[in-house]
Amino acid sequence: MAWFLGAICVIAGGAVVAASILADDARMEAPRWVVSAAGAAFLLAGRALVKSYAFDHGTEQPADVWSPLLGALV
């Protein structure tokens, strides 16, 4: 289930970032960096889901530096 939720978040985030880059200027109501930041938040959330639940099975590893970093970024 964590793989599925993480993949959905990553795909949605990638689609938002791609849309912010490829969209026409007339159709964009928000600045591109704001839309890209929202997409990046989805990408990071999906990455954190896959990392913490699919790879580590919900437990924190003693020498893991990625979990606090991803938690702070999200």
Protein backbone atom coordinates (compact mmCIF):
# COMPACT_ATOMS: atom_id res chain seq x y z
CA MET A 1 0.00 0.00 0.00
CA ALA A 2 2.88 2.38 0.76
CA TRP A 3 4.30 1.78 -2.71
CA PHE A 4 0.97 2.70 -4.24
CA LEU A 5 0.50 5.89 -2.21
CA GLY A 6 4.11 6.92 -2.75
CA ALA A 7 3.86 6.30 -6.48
CA ILE A 8 0.63 8.32 -6.70
CA CYS A 9 2.27 11.25 -4.88
CA VAL A 10 5.38 11.09 -7.08
CA ILE A 11 3.33 10.90 -10.28
CA ALA A 12 1.08 13.78 -9.18
CA GLY A 13 4.09 15.88 -8.18
CA GLY A 14 5.84 15.16 -11.45
CA ALA A 15 2.73 16.09 -13.39
CA VAL A 16 2.39 19.39 -11.51
CA VAL A 17 6.05 20.28 -12.08
CA ALA A 18 5.79 19.34 -15.76
CA ALA A 19 2.61 21.38 -16.13
CA SER A 20 4.26 24.39 -14.53
CA ILE A 21 7.14 24.18 -16.99
CA LEU A 22 5.14 23.40 -20.13
CA ALA A 23 1.98 25.46 -19.57
CA ASP A 24 1.16 28.53 -21.61
CA ASP A 25 1.78 31.87 -19.87
CA ALA A 26 -1.78 33.02 -20.52
CA ARG A 27 -3.21 30.04 -18.64
CA MET A 28 -0.98 30.34 -15.57
CA GLU A 29 -2.56 32.39 -12.79
CA ALA A 30 0.17 31.71 -10.22
CA PRO A 31 3.91 32.22 -10.62
CA ARG A 32 5.68 29.18 -12.03
CA TRP A 33 7.93 28.78 -9.00
CA VAL A 34 4.90 28.49 -6.71
CA VAL A 35 3.39 25.73 -8.82
CA SER A 36 6.76 23.98 -9.08
CA ALA A 37 7.21 24.18 -5.30
CA ALA A 38 3.81 22.56 -4.80
CA GLY A 39 4.79 19.77 -7.20
CA ALA A 40 8.11 19.35 -5.42
CA ALA A 41 6.27 18.97 -2.10
CA PHE A 42 4.27 16.09 -3.60
CA LEU A 43 7.46 14.55 -4.96
CA LEU A 44 9.13 14.74 -1.54
CA ALA A 45 6.06 13.38 0.23
CA GLY A 46 5.91 10.42 -2.14
CA ARG A 47 9.62 9.80 -1.70
CA ALA A 48 9.25 9.94 2.09
CA LEU A 49 6.34 7.46 2.01
CA VAL A 50 8.25 4.98 -0.07
CA LYS A 51 11.42 5.39 1.99
CA SER A 52 9.86 5.14 5.42
CA TYR A 53 7.16 2.51 4.95
CA ALA A 54 8.12 0.42 1.94
CA PHE A 55 11.87 0.19 2.49
CA ASP A 56 12.16 0.53 6.28
CA HIS A 57 8.76 -1.01 7.20
CA GLY A 58 7.85 1.94 9.44
CA THR A 59 10.89 1.72 11.72
CA GLU A 60 13.67 4.27 11.99
CA GLN A 61 17.12 2.91 11.31
CA PRO A 62 19.88 4.03 13.74
CA ALA A 63 22.27 5.46 11.14
CA ASP A 64 19.64 6.83 8.78
CA VAL A 65 20.19 10.43 7.68
CA TRP A 66 17.42 10.54 5.06
CA SER A 67 14.40 10.22 7.35
CA PRO A 68 14.98 13.43 9.35
CA LEU A 69 15.96 15.26 6.16
CA LEU A 70 12.82 14.17 4.31
CA GLY A 71 10.69 14.93 7.37
CA ALA A 72 12.11 18.44 7.59
CA LEU A 73 11.68 19.10 3.88
CA VAL A 74 8.09 17.87 3.75
